[in-house]
Amino acid sequence: MKAILIKTVGSPEVLEIQDIPKPEIKSTNDVLVKIKAAGVNPIDTKLRAGLYPLNNFPAVLGCDGAGIVEDIGARVTKIKIGDPVYYFHGGVDGIQGNYAEYKVLNQRFISHKPKSINFFEAAAVPLVAITAWEALYDHANLTQNKSIYINAAAGGVGHIAIQLAKYKKAKIFASVSNKEKAEFVSKLGADHVLNYKKQNISNEILKLTNNQGVDIVLDNVGGDEIEKIIPATKYYGKIVTLLQPNNKIDWSTARFRNINLSFEVMLSPLLLNLKNKQIYQTKILKQCADLIDNGNLKIHLNSIIPLKYAEKAHKKIQDGHTSGKIVLEIK
């Protein structure tokens, strides 16, 4: 089968299309999927660049996939041959990813594809939807009438988080870098859209909230962004970050405000083999499929790129400032 391999870490040019053996079902709970599309995520580019460890080479990247079930093990009960499915699995820790024509995975990772969208849209959903869901609903306990600030709001996780927050009838503050992205997130449901290149975000939020700040912050950026937003977070508020904070941050203001800081790393159940959490994440995909089919959640595709040009997809992500998701087409 065709697959994109990396034999060493480096620039996007290390991504090479090769022929490798087609994977086979080895367990009675295994499912063989003919992949139609694979999502491309920032984690893929970081693994390729060597920013996170890859333990086995050659490696196939790609955590998100969507396709058609081609074969199943004897104890598979969730799905049947011919079913369209989507899932989060692989691309890390020596597990074959989805930049390939076929994939074998345990049935506990599989969910039926939303009926109302195509394979490209479906492949863009899993990582960002699970991340946003866990961050907002599990860590932050977002409920009706709460206020939330989301940075990098036009990105993969950001644009899903806006919609999940809107579904809970929260008041949404979002920051972006330009007018086009501002229009995009406004259409998704953001109540107040700020331009971080032109405005002091904390000052603007305080003005808009009568100096109260927001109940919840979803940080998609990391670094020193958390320290900047602490003054605009309510007393006893919550900050959920997806990335590593700067190790020089002064936490004293957050401490005296009794702000709760949480980390969301949706890769952990896969990396640490936390089976109950893996099953839970697949249940999230089922609930997201229902939201999508009911018109309450939409995935925005930035571009669809043929598998052999995976290098271009990585370059687009590295260049930054893309809205929505990039997907690889696998024929």
C-alpha atoms as a PDB file:
ATOM      1  CA  MET A   1       0.000   0.000   0.000  1.00  0.00           C
ATOM      2  CA  LYS A   2       1.020   3.627  -0.437  1.00  0.00           C
ATOM      3  CA  ALA A   3       2.036   5.538   2.683  1.00  0.00           C
ATOM      4  CA  ILE A   4       3.938   8.653   3.631  1.00  0.00           C
ATOM      5  CA  LEU A   5       7.043   7.658   5.594  1.00  0.00           C
ATOM      6  CA  ILE A   6       9.620   9.572   7.547  1.00  0.00           C
ATOM      7  CA  LYS A   7      12.971   7.864   8.105  1.00  0.00           C
ATOM      8  CA  THR A   8      14.430  10.678  10.177  1.00  0.00           C
ATOM      9  CA  VAL A   9      13.195  13.898  11.758  1.00  0.00           C
ATOM     10  CA  GLY A  10      13.628  17.161   9.912  1.00  0.00           C
ATOM     11  CA  SER A  11      11.968  19.594   7.506  1.00  0.00           C
ATOM     12  CA  PRO A  12       8.780  18.769   5.562  1.00  0.00           C
ATOM     13  CA  GLU A  13      10.975  17.338   2.811  1.00  0.00           C
ATOM     14  CA  VAL A  14      11.595  14.196   4.937  1.00  0.00           C
ATOM     15  CA  LEU A  15       8.008  13.113   4.138  1.00  0.00           C
ATOM     16  CA  GLU A  16       8.297  10.510   1.352  1.00  0.00           C
ATOM     17  CA  ILE A  17       5.665   8.427  -0.392  1.00  0.00           C
ATOM     18  CA  GLN A  18       6.598   4.741  -0.334  1.00  0.00           C
ATOM     19  CA  ASP A  19       5.127   1.266  -0.757  1.00  0.00           C
ATOM     20  CA  ILE A  20       4.852  -0.614   2.542  1.00  0.00           C
ATOM     21  CA  PRO A  21       3.076  -3.872   3.510  1.00  0.00           C
ATOM     22  CA  LYS A  22      -0.661  -3.628   3.994  1.00  0.00           C
ATOM     23  CA  PRO A  23      -1.501  -4.143   7.694  1.00  0.00           C
ATOM     24  CA  GLU A  24      -3.401  -7.270   8.680  1.00  0.00           C
ATOM     25  CA  ILE A  25      -5.907  -8.071  11.407  1.00  0.00           C
ATOM     26  CA  LYS A  26      -4.075  -9.804  14.261  1.00  0.00           C
ATOM     27  CA  SER A  27      -6.642  -9.634  17.073  1.00  0.00           C
ATOM     28  CA  THR A  28     -10.280 -10.678  17.261  1.00  0.00           C
ATOM     29  CA  ASN A  29     -11.110  -7.050  18.196  1.00  0.00           C
ATOM     30  CA  ASP A  30      -9.238  -5.517  15.254  1.00  0.00           C
ATOM     31  CA  VAL A  31     -10.771  -3.548  12.407  1.00  0.00           C
ATOM     32  CA  LEU A  32      -9.184  -2.980   8.975  1.00  0.00           C
ATOM     33  CA  VAL A  33     -10.090   0.381   7.459  1.00  0.00           C
ATOM     34  CA  LYS A  34      -9.589   1.521   3.863  1.00  0.00           C
ATOM     35  CA  ILE A  35      -8.649   5.113   4.585  1.00  0.00           C
ATOM     36  CA  LYS A  36     -10.277   7.798   2.448  1.00  0.00           C
ATOM     37  CA  ALA A  37      -8.877  10.865   4.212  1.00  0.00           C
ATOM     38  CA  ALA A  38      -6.438  11.750   6.979  1.00  0.00           C
ATOM     39  CA  GLY A  39      -6.457  14.873   9.111  1.00  0.00           C
ATOM     40  CA  VAL A  40      -3.246  16.882   9.437  1.00  0.00           C
ATOM     41  CA  ASN A  41      -2.595  18.404  12.857  1.00  0.00           C
ATOM     42  CA  PRO A  42       0.137  20.557  14.400  1.00  0.00           C
ATOM     43  CA  ILE A  43       1.257  17.546  16.469  1.00  0.00           C
ATOM     44  CA  ASP A  44       2.216  15.832  13.187  1.00  0.00           C
ATOM     45  CA  THR A  45       4.544  18.678  12.236  1.00  0.00           C
ATOM     46  CA  LYS A  46       6.119  18.725  15.699  1.00  0.00           C
ATOM     47  CA  LEU A  47       6.784  14.992  15.628  1.00  0.00           C
ATOM     48  CA  ARG A  48       8.248  15.263  12.137  1.00  0.00           C
ATOM     49  CA  ALA A  49      10.484  18.139  13.211  1.00  0.00           C
ATOM     50  CA  GLY A  50      11.766  16.248  16.261  1.00  0.00           C
ATOM     51  CA  LEU A  51      10.152  18.553  18.831  1.00  0.00           C
ATOM     52  CA  TYR A  52       8.485  15.498  20.380  1.00  0.00           C
ATOM     53  CA  PRO A  53      10.140  12.059  20.408  1.00  0.00           C
ATOM     54  CA  LEU A  54       9.410   9.480  17.721  1.00  0.00           C
ATOM     55  CA  ASN A  55      10.637   6.119  18.937  1.00  0.00           C
ATOM     56  CA  ASN A  56      10.521   4.048  15.762  1.00  0.00           C
ATOM     57  CA  PHE A  57      11.606   4.677  12.177  1.00  0.00           C
ATOM     58  CA  PRO A  58      10.417   4.591   9.527  1.00  0.00           C
ATOM     59  CA  ALA A  59       7.230   6.164  10.886  1.00  0.00           C
ATOM     60  CA  VAL A  60       3.798   6.918   9.425  1.00  0.00           C
ATOM     61  CA  LEU A  61       2.275  10.075  10.894  1.00  0.00           C
ATOM     62  CA  GLY A  62      -1.354  11.166  11.208  1.00  0.00           C
ATOM     63  CA  CYS A  63      -3.666  10.739  14.211  1.00  0.00           C
ATOM     64  CA  ASP A  64      -7.016  11.320  12.469  1.00  0.00           C
ATOM     65  CA  GLY A  65      -8.611   9.080   9.891  1.00  0.00           C
ATOM     66  CA  ALA A  66     -11.864   8.386   8.084  1.00  0.00           C
ATOM     67  CA  GLY A  67     -12.700   5.548   5.737  1.00  0.00           C
ATOM     68  CA  ILE A  68     -14.628   2.348   5.069  1.00  0.00           C
ATOM     69  CA  VAL A  69     -14.377  -0.844   7.114  1.00  0.00           C
ATOM     70  CA  GLU A  70     -12.892  -3.556   4.896  1.00  0.00           C
ATOM     71  CA  ASP A  71     -12.531  -6.401   7.376  1.00  0.00           C
ATOM     72  CA  ILE A  72     -13.205  -7.156  11.046  1.00  0.00           C
ATOM     73  CA  GLY A  73     -12.017  -9.574  13.711  1.00  0.00           C
ATOM     74  CA  ALA A  74     -14.229 -12.344  15.055  1.00  0.00           C
ATOM     75  CA  ARG A  75     -15.234 -10.439  18.210  1.00  0.00           C
ATOM     76  CA  VAL A  76     -15.973  -7.071  16.609  1.00  0.00           C
ATOM     77  CA  THR A  77     -19.541  -6.036  17.381  1.00  0.00           C
ATOM     78  CA  LYS A  78     -19.574  -2.236  17.077  1.00  0.00           C
ATOM     79  CA  ILE A  79     -19.421  -2.056  13.317  1.00  0.00           C
ATOM     80  CA  LYS A  80     -19.635  -4.242  10.232  1.00  0.00           C
ATOM     81  CA  ILE A  81     -17.819  -4.513   6.927  1.00  0.00           C
ATOM     82  CA  GLY A  82     -18.741  -1.642   4.639  1.00  0.00           C
ATOM     83  CA  ASP A  83     -19.491   0.853   7.415  1.00  0.00           C
ATOM     84  CA  PRO A  84     -18.128   4.411   6.999  1.00  0.00           C
ATOM     85  CA  VAL A  85     -16.153   5.288  10.136  1.00  0.00           C
ATOM     86  CA  TYR A  86     -13.919   7.934  11.674  1.00  0.00           C
ATOM     87  CA  TYR A  87     -11.476   7.786  14.553  1.00  0.00           C
ATOM     88  CA  PHE A  88      -8.449   9.100  16.415  1.00  0.00           C
ATOM     89  CA  HIS A  89      -5.623   6.555  16.513  1.00  0.00           C
ATOM     90  CA  GLY A  90      -1.958   6.202  15.615  1.00  0.00           C
ATOM     91  CA  GLY A  91       0.746   8.501  14.329  1.00  0.00           C
ATOM     92  CA  VAL A  92       2.592   8.482  17.668  1.00  0.00           C
ATOM     93  CA  ASP A  93       4.711   6.141  19.801  1.00  0.00           C
ATOM     94  CA  GLY A  94       5.450   3.680  17.015  1.00  0.00           C
ATOM     95  CA  ILE A  95       1.783   3.181  16.080  1.00  0.00           C
ATOM     96  CA  GLN A  96       1.132   3.416  12.334  1.00  0.00           C
ATOM     97  CA  GLY A  97      -0.672   6.623  11.509  1.00  0.00           C
ATOM     98  CA  ASN A  98      -3.180   7.518   8.811  1.00  0.00           C
ATOM     99  CA  TYR A  99      -1.001   8.963   6.065  1.00  0.00           C
ATOM    100  CA  ALA A 100      -1.590   5.612   4.362  1.00  0.00           C
ATOM    101  CA  GLU A 101      -4.121   3.619   2.350  1.00  0.00           C
ATOM    102  CA  TYR A 102      -5.005   1.165   5.130  1.00  0.00           C
ATOM    103  CA  LYS A 103      -5.077   1.071   8.915  1.00  0.00           C
ATOM    104  CA  VAL A 104      -5.729  -1.611  11.556  1.00  0.00           C
ATOM    105  CA  LEU A 105      -6.993  -0.561  14.981  1.00  0.00           C
ATOM    106  CA  ASN A 106      -8.988  -1.902  17.922  1.00  0.00           C
ATOM    107  CA  GLN A 107     -12.752  -1.464  17.679  1.00  0.00           C
ATOM    108  CA  ARG A 108     -12.830   0.636  20.865  1.00  0.00           C
ATOM    109  CA  PHE A 109     -11.351   3.545  18.871  1.00  0.00           C
ATOM    110  CA  ILE A 110     -13.917   3.375  16.057  1.00  0.00           C
ATOM    111  CA  SER A 111     -17.039   5.494  15.678  1.00  0.00           C
ATOM    112  CA  HIS A 112     -19.518   5.668  12.825  1.00  0.00           C
ATOM    113  CA  LYS A 113     -18.895   8.636  10.553  1.00  0.00           C
ATOM    114  CA  PRO A 114     -21.448  11.458  10.771  1.00  0.00           C
ATOM    115  CA  LYS A 115     -23.991  10.801   8.027  1.00  0.00           C
ATOM    116  CA  SER A 116     -24.241  14.411   6.847  1.00  0.00           C
ATOM    117  CA  ILE A 117     -20.580  15.042   5.990  1.00  0.00           C
ATOM    118  CA  ASN A 118     -18.018  13.546   3.611  1.00  0.00           C
ATOM    119  CA  PHE A 119     -14.849  11.651   4.473  1.00  0.00           C
ATOM    120  CA  PHE A 120     -12.663  14.760   4.202  1.00  0.00           C
ATOM    121  CA  GLU A 121     -14.712  16.651   6.746  1.00  0.00           C
ATOM    122  CA  ALA A 122     -14.932  13.596   8.998  1.00  0.00           C
ATOM    123  CA  ALA A 123     -11.150  13.086   9.000  1.00  0.00           C
ATOM    124  CA  ALA A 124     -10.710  16.669  10.193  1.00  0.00           C
ATOM    125  CA  VAL A 125     -12.875  16.199  13.284  1.00  0.00           C
ATOM    126  CA  PRO A 126     -11.477  13.736  15.855  1.00  0.00           C
ATOM    127  CA  LEU A 127      -8.409  15.337  17.461  1.00  0.00           C
ATOM    128  CA  VAL A 128      -9.789  18.877  17.567  1.00  0.00           C
ATOM    129  CA  ALA A 129     -13.289  17.846  18.657  1.00  0.00           C
ATOM    130  CA  ILE A 130     -12.095  15.564  21.450  1.00  0.00           C
ATOM    131  CA  THR A 131      -9.638  18.235  22.608  1.00  0.00           C
ATOM    132  CA  ALA A 132     -12.244  21.002  22.676  1.00  0.00           C
ATOM    133  CA  TRP A 133     -14.848  18.746  24.310  1.00  0.00           C
ATOM    134  CA  GLU A 134     -12.547  17.606  27.115  1.00  0.00           C
ATOM    135  CA  ALA A 135     -11.211  21.122  27.692  1.00  0.00           C
ATOM    136  CA  LEU A 136     -14.609  22.850  27.840  1.00  0.00           C
ATOM    137  CA  TYR A 137     -16.951  20.230  29.215  1.00  0.00           C
ATOM    138  CA  ASP A 138     -14.673  18.129  31.431  1.00  0.00           C
ATOM    139  CA  HIS A 139     -11.934  20.448  32.694  1.00  0.00           C
ATOM    140  CA  ALA A 140     -13.794  23.776  32.660  1.00  0.00           C
ATOM    141  CA  ASN A 141     -17.312  22.455  33.315  1.00  0.00           C
ATOM    142  CA  LEU A 142     -18.688  25.033  30.910  1.00  0.00           C
ATOM    143  CA  THR A 143     -22.401  25.655  31.470  1.00  0.00           C
ATOM    144  CA  GLN A 144     -25.088  28.061  30.315  1.00  0.00           C
ATOM    145  CA  ASN A 145     -24.419  31.787  30.835  1.00  0.00           C
ATOM    146  CA  LYS A 146     -20.738  31.269  31.649  1.00  0.00           C
ATOM    147  CA  SER A 147     -18.269  33.499  29.808  1.00  0.00           C
ATOM    148  CA  ILE A 148     -15.253  32.087  27.988  1.00  0.00           C
ATOM    149  CA  TYR A 149     -12.248  33.538  26.188  1.00  0.00           C
ATOM    150  CA  ILE A 150     -10.710  31.481  23.351  1.00  0.00           C
ATOM    151  CA  ASN A 151      -7.433  32.492  21.713  1.00  0.00           C
ATOM    152  CA  ALA A 152      -6.324  31.283  18.266  1.00  0.00           C
ATOM    153  CA  ALA A 153     -10.074  31.043  17.779  1.00  0.00           C
ATOM    154  CA  ALA A 154     -10.030  30.474  14.012  1.00  0.00           C
ATOM    155  CA  GLY A 155      -7.756  27.439  14.271  1.00  0.00           C
ATOM    156  CA  GLY A 156      -8.634  23.760  14.393  1.00  0.00           C
ATOM    157  CA  VAL A 157      -9.468  23.477  18.079  1.00  0.00           C
ATOM    158  CA  GLY A 158     -10.562  27.102  18.377  1.00  0.00           C
ATOM    159  CA  HIS A 159     -13.309  27.015  15.762  1.00  0.00           C
ATOM    160  CA  ILE A 160     -14.759  23.810  17.269  1.00  0.00           C
ATOM    161  CA  ALA A 161     -14.539  25.236  20.794  1.00  0.00           C
ATOM    162  CA  ILE A 162     -16.577  28.284  19.765  1.00  0.00           C
ATOM    163  CA  GLN A 163     -19.370  26.044  18.525  1.00  0.00           C
ATOM    164  CA  LEU A 164     -19.318  23.765  21.577  1.00  0.00           C
ATOM    165  CA  ALA A 165     -19.437  26.845  23.814  1.00  0.00           C
ATOM    166  CA  LYS A 166     -22.290  28.295  21.763  1.00  0.00           C
ATOM    167  CA  TYR A 167     -24.162  25.003  22.076  1.00  0.00           C
ATOM    168  CA  LYS A 168     -24.020  25.469  25.873  1.00  0.00           C
ATOM    169  CA  LYS A 169     -25.244  29.071  25.451  1.00  0.00           C
ATOM    170  CA  ALA A 170     -22.051  30.574  26.842  1.00  0.00           C
ATOM    171  CA  LYS A 171     -20.875  34.125  26.167  1.00  0.00           C
ATOM    172  CA  ILE A 172     -17.825  33.903  23.918  1.00  0.00           C
ATOM    173  CA  PHE A 173     -14.821  36.210  23.628  1.00  0.00           C
ATOM    174  CA  ALA A 174     -12.461  35.245  20.810  1.00  0.00           C
ATOM    175  CA  SER A 175      -9.136  36.590  19.550  1.00  0.00           C
ATOM    176  CA  VAL A 176      -7.786  36.369  16.008  1.00  0.00           C
ATOM    177  CA  SER A 177      -5.157  38.081  13.858  1.00  0.00           C
ATOM    178  CA  ASN A 178      -7.085  39.660  10.972  1.00  0.00           C
ATOM    179  CA  LYS A 179     -10.429  40.807   9.582  1.00  0.00           C
ATOM    180  CA  GLU A 180     -11.134  37.617   7.592  1.00  0.00           C
ATOM    181  CA  LYS A 181     -10.722  35.448  10.671  1.00  0.00           C
ATOM    182  CA  ALA A 182     -12.818  37.864  12.690  1.00  0.00           C
ATOM    183  CA  GLU A 183     -15.675  37.439  10.225  1.00  0.00           C
ATOM    184  CA  PHE A 184     -15.206  33.664  10.300  1.00  0.00           C
ATOM    185  CA  VAL A 185     -15.424  33.303  14.101  1.00  0.00           C
ATOM    186  CA  SER A 186     -18.305  35.782  14.288  1.00  0.00           C
ATOM    187  CA  LYS A 187     -20.316  33.560  11.966  1.00  0.00           C
ATOM    188  CA  LEU A 188     -19.514  30.589  14.194  1.00  0.00           C
ATOM    189  CA  GLY A 189     -21.073  32.364  17.163  1.00  0.00           C
ATOM    190  CA  ALA A 190     -18.385  34.439  18.926  1.00  0.00           C
ATOM    191  CA  ASP A 191     -20.046  37.369  20.744  1.00  0.00           C
ATOM    192  CA  HIS A 192     -16.951  39.581  20.987  1.00  0.00           C
ATOM    193  CA  VAL A 193     -14.063  39.270  18.533  1.00  0.00           C
ATOM    194  CA  LEU A 194     -10.726  40.878  19.348  1.00  0.00           C
ATOM    195  CA  ASN A 195      -7.587  41.386  17.252  1.00  0.00           C
ATOM    196  CA  TYR A 196      -4.547  40.444  19.337  1.00  0.00           C
ATOM    197  CA  LYS A 197      -2.244  42.295  16.947  1.00  0.00           C
ATOM    198  CA  LYS A 198      -4.028  45.592  17.477  1.00  0.00           C
ATOM    199  CA  GLN A 199      -5.581  45.332  20.938  1.00  0.00           C
ATOM    200  CA  ASN A 200      -4.566  44.537  24.498  1.00  0.00           C
ATOM    201  CA  ILE A 201      -6.771  41.491  25.023  1.00  0.00           C
ATOM    202  CA  SER A 202      -6.942  41.622  28.827  1.00  0.00           C
ATOM    203  CA  ASN A 203      -7.809  45.330  28.837  1.00  0.00           C
ATOM    204  CA  GLU A 204     -10.529  44.828  26.234  1.00  0.00           C
ATOM    205  CA  ILE A 205     -12.083  41.900  28.102  1.00  0.00           C
ATOM    206  CA  LEU A 206     -12.124  43.881  31.339  1.00  0.00           C
ATOM    207  CA  LYS A 207     -13.844  46.779  29.562  1.00  0.00           C
ATOM    208  CA  LEU A 208     -16.465  44.440  28.121  1.00  0.00           C
ATOM    209  CA  THR A 209     -17.120  42.652  31.433  1.00  0.00           C
ATOM    210  CA  ASN A 210     -17.298  45.658  33.763  1.00  0.00           C
ATOM    211  CA  ASN A 211     -13.874  44.723  35.169  1.00  0.00           C
ATOM    212  CA  GLN A 212     -15.099  41.261  36.165  1.00  0.00           C
ATOM    213  CA  GLY A 213     -13.196  39.183  33.609  1.00  0.00           C
ATOM    214  CA  VAL A 214     -14.270  35.863  32.102  1.00  0.00           C
ATOM    215  CA  ASP A 215     -15.197  32.659  33.915  1.00  0.00           C
ATOM    216  CA  ILE A 216     -13.096  30.433  31.660  1.00  0.00           C
ATOM    217  CA  VAL A 217     -10.059  30.765  29.408  1.00  0.00           C
ATOM    218  CA  LEU A 218      -9.183  28.229  26.714  1.00  0.00           C
ATOM    219  CA  ASP A 219      -5.534  28.743  25.777  1.00  0.00           C
ATOM    220  CA  ASN A 220      -4.524  27.293  22.401  1.00  0.00           C
ATOM    221  CA  VAL A 221      -1.174  29.079  22.258  1.00  0.00           C
ATOM    222  CA  GLY A 222       0.927  28.313  25.345  1.00  0.00           C
ATOM    223  CA  GLY A 223       4.155  30.139  26.153  1.00  0.00           C
ATOM    224  CA  ASP A 224       3.513  33.407  27.979  1.00  0.00           C
ATOM    225  CA  GLU A 225      -0.072  33.825  26.741  1.00  0.00           C
ATOM    226  CA  ILE A 226      -1.481  32.540  30.026  1.00  0.00           C
ATOM    227  CA  GLU A 227       0.266  35.209  32.042  1.00  0.00           C
ATOM    228  CA  LYS A 228      -1.214  37.886  29.773  1.00  0.00           C
ATOM    229  CA  ILE A 229      -4.783  36.707  30.317  1.00  0.00           C
ATOM    230  CA  ILE A 230      -4.675  36.026  34.079  1.00  0.00           C
ATOM    231  CA  PRO A 231      -5.706  39.641  34.954  1.00  0.00           C
ATOM    232  CA  ALA A 232      -8.856  39.206  32.831  1.00  0.00           C
ATOM    233  CA  THR A 233      -9.845  35.894  34.430  1.00  0.00           C
ATOM    234  CA  LYS A 234     -12.446  36.050  37.201  1.00  0.00           C
ATOM    235  CA  TYR A 235     -11.683  35.248  40.789  1.00  0.00           C
ATOM    236  CA  TYR A 236     -12.122  31.481  41.155  1.00  0.00           C
ATOM    237  CA  GLY A 237     -12.109  31.254  37.367  1.00  0.00           C
ATOM    238  CA  LYS A 238     -10.612  28.463  35.261  1.00  0.00           C
ATOM    239  CA  ILE A 239      -7.825  28.400  32.689  1.00  0.00           C
ATOM    240  CA  VAL A 240      -7.417  25.344  30.487  1.00  0.00           C
ATOM    241  CA  THR A 241      -4.285  25.213  28.339  1.00  0.00           C
ATOM    242  CA  LEU A 242      -3.413  22.806  25.549  1.00  0.00           C
ATOM    243  CA  LEU A 243       0.269  23.673  25.467  1.00  0.00           C
ATOM    244  CA  GLN A 244       3.239  24.136  27.756  1.00  0.00           C
ATOM    245  CA  PRO A 245       3.268  27.452  29.647  1.00  0.00           C
ATOM    246  CA  ASN A 246       6.433  29.534  29.812  1.00  0.00           C
ATOM    247  CA  ASN A 247       8.471  28.332  32.808  1.00  0.00           C
ATOM    248  CA  LYS A 248       9.129  31.938  33.825  1.00  0.00           C
ATOM    249  CA  ILE A 249       5.474  32.874  34.360  1.00  0.00           C
ATOM    250  CA  ASP A 250       4.718  34.687  37.608  1.00  0.00           C
ATOM    251  CA  TRP A 251       1.783  32.736  39.054  1.00  0.00           C
ATOM    252  CA  SER A 252       1.226  34.984  42.067  1.00  0.00           C
ATOM    253  CA  THR A 253      -1.781  36.836  40.594  1.00  0.00           C
ATOM    254  CA  ALA A 254      -3.422  33.568  39.571  1.00  0.00           C
ATOM    255  CA  ARG A 255      -2.783  32.131  43.023  1.00  0.00           C
ATOM    256  CA  PHE A 256      -4.398  34.989  44.914  1.00  0.00           C
ATOM    257  CA  ARG A 257      -7.325  35.010  42.495  1.00  0.00           C
ATOM    258  CA  ASN A 258      -7.829  31.299  43.250  1.00  0.00           C
ATOM    259  CA  ILE A 259      -7.711  30.543  39.546  1.00  0.00           C
ATOM    260  CA  ASN A 260      -7.805  26.869  38.634  1.00  0.00           C
ATOM    261  CA  LEU A 261      -5.260  25.862  35.962  1.00  0.00           C
ATOM    262  CA  SER A 262      -5.860  22.644  33.982  1.00  0.00           C
ATOM    263  CA  PHE A 263      -3.952  20.911  31.207  1.00  0.00           C
ATOM    264  CA  GLU A 264      -5.651  19.186  28.295  1.00  0.00           C
ATOM    265  CA  VAL A 265      -3.546  16.625  26.411  1.00  0.00           C
ATOM    266  CA  MET A 266      -5.934  14.425  24.489  1.00  0.00           C
ATOM    267  CA  LEU A 267      -3.085  12.142  23.355  1.00  0.00           C
ATOM    268  CA  SER A 268      -2.585  10.767  26.870  1.00  0.00           C
ATOM    269  CA  PRO A 269      -5.156   7.905  26.720  1.00  0.00           C
ATOM    270  CA  LEU A 270      -3.483   6.552  23.559  1.00  0.00           C
ATOM    271  CA  LEU A 271       0.096   7.081  24.757  1.00  0.00           C
ATOM    272  CA  LEU A 272      -0.507   5.709  28.258  1.00  0.00           C
ATOM    273  CA  ASN A 273      -2.927   2.948  27.151  1.00  0.00           C
ATOM    274  CA  LEU A 274      -5.724   4.245  29.376  1.00  0.00           C
ATOM    275  CA  LYS A 275      -8.458   2.011  27.960  1.00  0.00           C
ATOM    276  CA  ASN A 276     -11.394   3.543  29.836  1.00  0.00           C
ATOM    277  CA  LYS A 277     -10.390   6.994  28.603  1.00  0.00           C
ATOM    278  CA  GLN A 278      -9.953   5.662  25.068  1.00  0.00           C
ATOM    279  CA  ILE A 279     -13.517   4.375  25.169  1.00  0.00           C
ATOM    280  CA  TYR A 280     -14.673   7.705  26.592  1.00  0.00           C
ATOM    281  CA  GLN A 281     -13.025   9.617  23.737  1.00  0.00           C
ATOM    282  CA  THR A 282     -14.766   7.404  21.201  1.00  0.00           C
ATOM    283  CA  LYS A 283     -18.067   8.211  22.945  1.00  0.00           C
ATOM    284  CA  ILE A 284     -17.215  11.892  22.442  1.00  0.00           C
ATOM    285  CA  LEU A 285     -16.907  11.211  18.712  1.00  0.00           C
ATOM    286  CA  LYS A 286     -20.365   9.607  18.752  1.00  0.00           C
ATOM    287  CA  GLN A 287     -21.819  12.686  20.469  1.00  0.00           C
ATOM    288  CA  CYS A 288     -20.019  14.983  18.043  1.00  0.00           C
ATOM    289  CA  ALA A 289     -21.444  12.993  15.132  1.00  0.00           C
ATOM    290  CA  ASP A 290     -24.925  13.624  16.536  1.00  0.00           C
ATOM    291  CA  LEU A 291     -24.183  17.357  16.887  1.00  0.00           C
ATOM    292  CA  ILE A 292     -22.889  17.467  13.309  1.00  0.00           C
ATOM    293  CA  ASP A 293     -25.879  15.603  11.893  1.00  0.00           C
ATOM    294  CA  ASN A 294     -28.241  17.875  13.850  1.00  0.00           C
ATOM    295  CA  GLY A 295     -26.581  21.001  12.458  1.00  0.00           C
ATOM    296  CA  ASN A 296     -25.034  22.146  15.746  1.00  0.00           C
ATOM    297  CA  LEU A 297     -21.392  21.572  14.802  1.00  0.00           C
ATOM    298  CA  LYS A 298     -19.532  22.211  11.562  1.00  0.00           C
ATOM    299  CA  ILE A 299     -15.941  21.495  10.619  1.00  0.00           C
ATOM    300  CA  HIS A 300     -14.201  24.038   8.412  1.00  0.00           C
ATOM    301  CA  LEU A 301     -11.759  22.687   5.839  1.00  0.00           C
ATOM    302  CA  ASN A 302      -8.903  24.970   4.907  1.00  0.00           C
ATOM    303  CA  SER A 303      -7.726  22.700   2.101  1.00  0.00           C
ATOM    304  CA  ILE A 304      -7.724  19.125   0.775  1.00  0.00           C
ATOM    305  CA  ILE A 305      -4.321  17.947  -0.453  1.00  0.00           C
ATOM    306  CA  PRO A 306      -3.454  14.642  -2.205  1.00  0.00           C
ATOM    307  CA  LEU A 307      -1.518  12.167  -0.040  1.00  0.00           C
ATOM    308  CA  LYS A 308       1.654  12.402  -2.131  1.00  0.00           C
ATOM    309  CA  TYR A 309       1.844  16.127  -1.373  1.00  0.00           C
ATOM    310  CA  ALA A 310       1.800  15.741   2.414  1.00  0.00           C
ATOM    311  CA  GLU A 311       4.902  17.933   2.463  1.00  0.00           C
ATOM    312  CA  LYS A 312       2.763  20.876   1.282  1.00  0.00           C
ATOM    313  CA  ALA A 313       0.254  20.285   4.083  1.00  0.00           C
ATOM    314  CA  HIS A 314       3.012  20.416   6.693  1.00  0.00           C
ATOM    315  CA  LYS A 315       4.411  23.608   5.195  1.00  0.00           C
ATOM    316  CA  LYS A 316       0.991  25.253   5.355  1.00  0.00           C
ATOM    317  CA  ILE A 317       0.665  24.429   9.050  1.00  0.00           C
ATOM    318  CA  GLN A 318       4.211  25.589   9.770  1.00  0.00           C
ATOM    319  CA  ASP A 319       3.526  28.881   8.029  1.00  0.00           C
ATOM    320  CA  GLY A 320       0.738  29.379  10.560  1.00  0.00           C
ATOM    321  CA  HIS A 321      -2.393  31.499  10.514  1.00  0.00           C
ATOM    322  CA  THR A 322      -4.570  28.915   8.746  1.00  0.00           C
ATOM    323  CA  SER A 323      -8.274  28.790   9.552  1.00  0.00           C
ATOM    324  CA  GLY A 324      -9.862  25.412  10.145  1.00  0.00           C
ATOM    325  CA  LYS A 325      -8.255  22.106   9.165  1.00  0.00           C
ATOM    326  CA  ILE A 326      -6.068  20.615   6.435  1.00  0.00           C
ATOM    327  CA  VAL A 327      -6.843  17.096   5.175  1.00  0.00           C
ATOM    328  CA  LEU A 328      -5.018  14.592   2.973  1.00  0.00           C
ATOM    329  CA  GLU A 329      -7.000  12.821   0.240  1.00  0.00           C
ATOM    330  CA  ILE A 330      -6.220   9.115  -0.035  1.00  0.00           C
ATOM    331  CA  LYS A 331      -7.480   7.377  -3.183  1.00  0.00           C
END
